[in-house]
């Protein structure tokens, strides 16, 4: 199930829920909880399907530099893996439909149907990354889908659910920036994985973006992802300025920049395995510290307003 990837799934949901709170809409705990469960189930589904797809295509072999996969080890049969994939498709659907039912207050409206179709698209994307002849992970589109579903869909989707399916104020448009930041960092995790596996992927005809552009450009691209996430958060904090202490949250990017430096300097090897976990956790750290600093900033401004009013 690759638990090290779960912080990415959690990050987008926490960011979306926090943005709803910070924008003045009290987040619904049931929505947050079910969204977290749905995201985790989708992430595990993607991991299981990825294991199955890479194994059946022969990509997971003895030449891989990453950790031994479940099917590759021989401890799990393809039939058993397929059964677990079906189980997590069902779990994702159950949690996702429950989430939409609560957000729509039990009404089967257009927004409910739209988000339901979006959920089906997320399930399809989780499976089709490496499964089937048209697996998009083998054509270099993995980064695009990770950016969309881990960033834009996860953050903005949960934000809209908390808003009661509403998106109608200029302030809402600025939420794209933190959503993009999470998306860029998530794509960075995938890029780290693909840089590590560049030689084996190339030999296995898995044409990831890294295989297509080469190792040198892939490292530049990795810096682009991390820096773009940082810039997005700077722009958002500048636009949504409350108090200077908000900008302290940018220090949470330090582990991400350290990880990018290691991707730049280390040769593809098993040493990349810890870097995947490092950037995954760094993404969660960015979200958590952002929420904490925003909350403190609001508290300071509120306290100052009370002091002025009392005088």
Protein backbone atom coordinates (compact mmCIF):
# COMPACT_ATOMS: atom_id res chain seq x y z
CA UNK A 1 0.00 0.00 0.00
CA UNK A 2 3.11 2.25 0.14
CA UNK A 3 2.19 4.17 3.25
CA UNK A 4 4.91 6.77 2.58
CA UNK A 5 2.68 8.20 -0.18
CA UNK A 6 -0.31 8.81 2.09
CA UNK A 7 0.88 12.22 3.38
CA UNK A 8 0.31 13.50 -0.17
CA UNK A 9 -3.30 12.33 -0.13
CA UNK A 10 -3.82 13.92 3.29
CA UNK A 11 -2.12 17.21 2.36
CA UNK A 12 -4.62 18.27 -0.29
CA UNK A 13 -7.63 17.54 1.88
CA UNK A 14 -6.22 19.40 4.89
CA UNK A 15 -5.33 22.38 2.71
CA UNK A 16 -8.82 22.55 1.19
CA UNK A 17 -10.52 22.28 4.58
CA UNK A 18 -8.22 24.89 6.11
CA UNK A 19 -8.83 27.33 3.27
CA UNK A 20 -12.57 26.99 3.86
CA UNK A 21 -12.09 27.84 7.55
CA UNK A 22 -9.74 30.73 6.83
CA UNK A 23 -12.15 32.19 4.26
CA UNK A 24 -14.84 32.46 6.92
CA UNK A 25 -16.77 29.26 6.18
CA UNK A 26 -16.71 26.84 9.11
CA UNK A 27 -15.51 23.51 7.77
CA UNK A 28 -17.75 20.48 8.28
CA UNK A 29 -15.93 17.77 10.24
CA UNK A 30 -17.89 15.02 8.51
CA UNK A 31 -16.87 16.37 5.11
CA UNK A 32 -13.24 16.60 6.16
CA UNK A 33 -13.24 13.08 7.63
CA UNK A 34 -14.93 11.44 4.64
CA UNK A 35 -12.76 13.41 2.21
CA UNK A 36 -9.66 12.16 4.02
CA UNK A 37 -10.90 8.57 3.86
CA UNK A 38 -11.80 8.89 0.19
CA UNK A 39 -8.41 10.38 -0.67
CA UNK A 40 -6.55 7.69 1.27
CA UNK A 41 -8.56 4.90 -0.37
CA UNK A 42 -7.91 6.41 -3.81
CA UNK A 43 -4.19 6.67 -3.05
CA UNK A 44 -4.00 3.04 -1.92
CA UNK A 45 -6.02 2.03 -4.99
CA UNK A 46 -3.53 3.85 -7.19
CA UNK A 47 -0.61 2.15 -5.45
CA UNK A 48 -2.12 -1.32 -5.81
CA UNK A 49 -3.03 -0.73 -9.46
CA UNK A 50 0.47 0.62 -10.09
CA UNK A 51 1.97 -2.53 -8.58
CA UNK A 52 -0.26 -4.68 -10.78
CA UNK A 53 0.29 -2.66 -13.95
CA UNK A 54 4.08 -2.46 -13.68
CA UNK A 55 4.31 -6.16 -12.84
CA UNK A 56 2.19 -7.32 -15.78
CA UNK A 57 4.21 -5.11 -18.14
CA UNK A 58 7.52 -6.43 -16.82
CA UNK A 59 8.67 -3.06 -15.50
CA UNK A 60 9.02 -4.34 -11.94
CA UNK A 61 12.04 -6.59 -12.28
CA UNK A 62 15.34 -7.32 -10.55
CA UNK A 63 16.92 -4.22 -12.12
CA UNK A 64 14.61 -1.81 -10.28
CA UNK A 65 16.36 0.49 -7.82
CA UNK A 66 13.26 1.00 -5.70
CA UNK A 67 11.87 -1.13 -2.92
CA UNK A 68 10.66 -4.59 -3.91
CA UNK A 69 7.03 -4.48 -4.99
CA UNK A 70 4.36 -6.88 -3.72
CA UNK A 71 3.80 -8.86 -6.93
CA UNK A 72 7.47 -8.68 -7.82
CA UNK A 73 8.32 -10.41 -4.53
CA UNK A 74 6.02 -13.34 -5.35
CA UNK A 75 4.28 -13.10 -1.97
CA UNK A 76 1.02 -11.97 -3.60
CA UNK A 77 -0.63 -13.42 -6.70
CA UNK A 78 -2.01 -11.21 -9.50
CA UNK A 79 -5.49 -12.58 -8.76
CA UNK A 80 -5.23 -11.55 -5.10
CA UNK A 81 -4.02 -8.08 -6.14
CA UNK A 82 -6.98 -7.70 -8.51
CA UNK A 83 -9.35 -8.59 -5.68
CA UNK A 84 -7.81 -5.92 -3.47
CA UNK A 85 -8.08 -3.39 -6.29
CA UNK A 86 -11.80 -4.14 -6.52
CA UNK A 87 -12.13 -3.78 -2.74
CA UNK A 88 -10.55 -0.32 -2.78
CA UNK A 89 -12.64 0.77 -5.76
CA UNK A 90 -15.70 -0.13 -3.67
CA UNK A 91 -14.35 1.65 -0.57
CA UNK A 92 -13.58 4.77 -2.61
CA UNK A 93 -17.09 4.78 -4.07
CA UNK A 94 -18.80 4.25 -0.73
CA UNK A 95 -16.86 7.03 1.01
CA UNK A 96 -17.07 9.34 -1.99
CA UNK A 97 -20.83 9.00 -2.38
CA UNK A 98 -21.31 9.47 1.37
CA UNK A 99 -19.16 12.59 1.19
CA UNK A 100 -21.23 14.06 -1.63
CA UNK A 101 -24.51 13.12 0.08
CA UNK A 102 -23.53 15.09 3.20
CA UNK A 103 -22.15 18.05 1.22
CA UNK A 104 -25.33 18.22 -0.91
CA UNK A 105 -27.58 17.77 2.15
CA UNK A 106 -29.12 14.69 0.58
CA UNK A 107 -30.13 16.44 -2.64
CA UNK A 108 -29.33 14.85 -6.01
CA UNK A 109 -28.55 18.12 -7.80
CA UNK A 110 -26.29 19.00 -10.72
CA UNK A 111 -23.35 19.67 -8.42
CA UNK A 112 -23.74 16.21 -6.89
CA UNK A 113 -23.72 14.57 -10.32
CA UNK A 114 -20.74 16.65 -11.47
CA UNK A 115 -18.67 15.72 -8.42
CA UNK A 116 -19.75 12.09 -8.74
CA UNK A 117 -18.43 12.02 -12.30
CA UNK A 118 -15.25 13.69 -11.05
CA UNK A 119 -14.93 10.91 -8.48
CA UNK A 120 -15.30 8.27 -11.19
CA UNK A 121 -12.60 10.08 -13.15
CA UNK A 122 -10.33 9.95 -10.09
CA UNK A 123 -10.88 6.19 -9.78
CA UNK A 124 -10.17 5.71 -13.48
CA UNK A 125 -7.03 7.84 -13.22
CA UNK A 126 -5.81 5.83 -10.23
CA UNK A 127 -6.14 2.60 -12.19
CA UNK A 128 -5.10 3.72 -15.66
CA UNK A 129 -1.75 5.12 -14.54
CA UNK A 130 -0.04 1.82 -15.33
CA UNK A 131 -2.87 -0.64 -16.08
CA UNK A 132 -3.91 -1.40 -19.67
CA UNK A 133 -2.46 -0.73 -23.09
CA UNK A 134 -3.23 2.99 -22.91
CA UNK A 135 -1.71 3.53 -19.44
CA UNK A 136 -0.88 7.23 -19.31
CA UNK A 137 2.06 6.68 -16.95
CA UNK A 138 3.83 4.98 -19.84
CA UNK A 139 3.30 7.99 -22.11
CA UNK A 140 4.73 10.74 -19.92
CA UNK A 141 1.40 12.17 -18.67
CA UNK A 142 1.71 11.00 -15.06
CA UNK A 143 2.91 14.40 -13.86
CA UNK A 144 -0.10 16.17 -15.36
CA UNK A 145 -2.58 13.84 -13.69
CA UNK A 146 -0.79 14.06 -10.33
CA UNK A 147 -0.85 17.87 -10.48
CA UNK A 148 -4.55 17.89 -11.36
CA UNK A 149 -5.85 15.29 -8.91
CA UNK A 150 -3.48 15.76 -5.95
CA UNK A 151 -3.47 19.53 -6.27
CA UNK A 152 -6.41 21.17 -8.02
CA UNK A 153 -9.05 18.49 -7.51
CA UNK A 154 -8.12 17.59 -3.93
CA UNK A 155 -7.73 21.14 -2.59
CA UNK A 156 -10.34 23.01 -4.62
CA UNK A 157 -12.78 20.09 -4.57
CA UNK A 158 -12.82 19.92 -0.77
CA UNK A 159 -12.92 23.71 -0.54
CA UNK A 160 -16.02 23.80 -2.76
CA UNK A 161 -17.67 20.98 -0.80
CA UNK A 162 -17.26 22.97 2.41
CA UNK A 163 -18.69 26.01 0.60
CA UNK A 164 -21.85 24.09 -0.27
CA UNK A 165 -20.83 23.71 -3.94
CA UNK A 166 -20.45 27.49 -4.26
CA UNK A 167 -17.68 29.28 -6.14
CA UNK A 168 -18.75 32.84 -6.76
CA UNK A 169 -16.44 35.34 -5.08
CA UNK A 170 -13.16 36.88 -6.27
CA UNK A 171 -11.53 35.43 -3.15
CA UNK A 172 -12.34 31.92 -4.34
CA UNK A 173 -10.19 32.38 -7.44
CA UNK A 174 -7.08 32.92 -5.32
CA UNK A 175 -7.48 29.46 -3.80
CA UNK A 176 -6.00 28.10 -7.03
CA UNK A 177 -2.56 29.19 -5.81
CA UNK A 178 -2.27 26.94 -2.72
CA UNK A 179 -3.96 24.15 -4.70
CA UNK A 180 -1.30 24.50 -7.39
CA UNK A 181 1.43 24.52 -4.72
CA UNK A 182 0.27 21.14 -3.40
CA UNK A 183 0.04 19.89 -6.98
CA UNK A 184 3.58 20.97 -7.84
CA UNK A 185 5.02 19.32 -4.72
CA UNK A 186 3.09 16.12 -5.42
CA UNK A 187 4.42 16.06 -8.97
CA UNK A 188 7.87 16.46 -7.43
CA UNK A 189 7.40 13.17 -5.57
CA UNK A 190 6.55 11.41 -8.83
CA UNK A 191 9.50 13.04 -10.56
CA UNK A 192 11.83 11.83 -7.81
CA UNK A 193 10.53 8.30 -8.36
CA UNK A 194 10.98 8.56 -12.11
CA UNK A 195 14.50 10.01 -11.86
CA UNK A 196 15.48 7.03 -9.71
CA UNK A 197 14.00 4.56 -12.19
CA UNK A 198 15.09 6.28 -15.42
CA UNK A 199 17.32 3.44 -16.68
CA UNK A 200 14.93 0.59 -15.91
CA UNK A 201 11.91 2.54 -17.16
CA UNK A 202 13.69 3.30 -20.43
CA UNK A 203 14.63 -0.36 -20.88
CA UNK A 204 11.03 -1.39 -20.10
CA UNK A 205 9.49 1.09 -22.57
CA UNK A 206 7.93 3.08 -19.75
CA UNK A 207 8.25 6.51 -21.30
CA UNK A 208 7.88 8.73 -18.26
CA UNK A 209 8.53 12.44 -18.62
CA UNK A 210 12.01 11.84 -17.19
CA UNK A 211 12.75 9.23 -19.86
CA UNK A 212 11.52 11.62 -22.55
CA UNK A 213 13.51 14.70 -21.50
CA UNK A 214 16.57 13.01 -20.00
CA UNK A 215 18.21 13.10 -16.57
CA UNK A 216 19.73 16.58 -16.80
CA UNK A 217 16.49 18.31 -17.80
CA UNK A 218 14.53 16.20 -15.30
CA UNK A 219 16.63 17.70 -12.51
CA UNK A 220 15.97 21.22 -13.78
CA UNK A 221 12.29 20.32 -14.00
CA UNK A 222 12.40 19.16 -10.37
CA UNK A 223 13.68 22.56 -9.28
CA UNK A 224 10.91 24.15 -11.36
CA UNK A 225 8.29 22.16 -9.44
CA UNK A 226 9.63 23.04 -5.97
CA UNK A 227 10.24 26.72 -6.80
CA UNK A 228 6.82 27.03 -8.47
CA UNK A 229 5.15 25.69 -5.32
CA UNK A 230 7.10 28.21 -3.24
CA UNK A 231 6.18 31.12 -5.55
CA UNK A 232 2.50 30.13 -5.46
CA UNK A 233 2.48 30.32 -1.68
CA UNK A 234 4.34 33.64 -1.67
CA UNK A 235 1.78 35.12 -4.06
CA UNK A 236 -1.11 33.76 -2.01
CA UNK A 237 0.26 35.09 1.28
CA UNK A 238 0.91 38.48 -0.33
CA UNK A 239 -2.62 38.68 -1.71
CA UNK A 240 -4.22 37.40 1.51
CA UNK A 241 -1.95 39.44 3.79
CA UNK A 242 -3.09 39.71 7.39
CA UNK A 243 0.08 39.90 9.47
CA UNK A 244 3.83 39.50 8.72
CA UNK A 245 3.96 36.31 10.80
CA UNK A 246 2.17 34.57 7.94
CA UNK A 247 5.39 34.51 5.95
CA UNK A 248 7.09 32.39 8.62
CA UNK A 249 5.20 29.48 7.04
CA UNK A 250 7.54 29.70 4.03
CA UNK A 251 10.32 28.25 6.21
CA UNK A 252 8.48 24.92 5.89
CA UNK A 253 9.82 24.74 2.33
CA UNK A 254 13.38 24.24 3.58
CA UNK A 255 13.10 20.38 3.61
CA UNK A 256 11.68 20.50 0.08
CA UNK A 257 14.60 22.60 -1.15
CA UNK A 258 17.07 20.25 0.57
CA UNK A 259 15.36 17.32 -1.15
CA UNK A 260 15.64 19.10 -4.52
CA UNK A 261 19.37 19.62 -3.95
CA UNK A 262 19.80 15.90 -3.29
CA UNK A 263 17.88 15.03 -6.46
CA UNK A 264 20.23 17.41 -8.29
CA UNK A 265 23.45 15.97 -6.91
CA UNK A 266 22.86 12.26 -6.32
CA UNK A 267 23.10 9.70 -9.08
CA UNK A 268 19.95 7.56 -9.56
CA UNK A 269 20.32 4.81 -6.98
CA UNK A 270 18.53 3.22 -4.00
CA UNK A 271 19.58 6.40 -2.13
CA UNK A 272 16.57 8.02 -3.81
CA UNK A 273 14.14 5.86 -1.84
CA UNK A 274 14.28 8.04 1.32
CA UNK A 275 13.89 11.14 -0.87
CA UNK A 276 10.39 10.04 -1.85
CA UNK A 277 9.30 9.93 1.78
CA UNK A 278 11.15 13.17 2.50
CA UNK A 279 9.27 15.21 -0.10
CA UNK A 280 5.96 13.54 0.72
CA UNK A 281 6.33 14.55 4.38
CA UNK A 282 7.69 17.96 3.38
CA UNK A 283 4.46 18.60 1.46
CA UNK A 284 2.41 17.79 4.54
CA UNK A 285 4.70 20.03 6.62
CA UNK A 286 4.13 22.96 4.25
CA UNK A 287 0.36 22.57 4.65
CA UNK A 288 0.40 22.16 8.44
CA UNK A 289 2.75 25.09 9.08
CA UNK A 290 0.75 27.27 6.67
CA UNK A 291 -2.45 26.53 8.60
CA UNK A 292 -0.79 27.17 11.97
CA UNK A 293 0.73 30.51 10.88
CA UNK A 294 -2.50 31.66 9.26
CA UNK A 295 -4.38 30.84 12.45
CA UNK A 296 -1.84 32.69 14.60
CA UNK A 297 -2.02 35.70 12.26
CA UNK A 298 -5.81 35.81 12.56
CA UNK A 299 -5.49 35.51 16.33
CA UNK A 300 -3.05 38.42 16.53
CA UNK A 301 -5.18 40.65 14.31
CA UNK A 302 -8.28 39.73 16.29
CA UNK A 303 -6.57 40.49 19.59
CA UNK A 304 -5.31 43.85 18.28
CA UNK A 305 -8.82 44.74 17.12
CA UNK A 306 -10.25 43.92 20.56
CA UNK A 307 -7.55 46.03 22.24
CA UNK A 308 -8.30 49.01 20.01
CA UNK A 309 -12.05 48.64 20.60
CA UNK A 310 -11.58 48.44 24.38
CA UNK A 311 -9.58 51.66 24.37
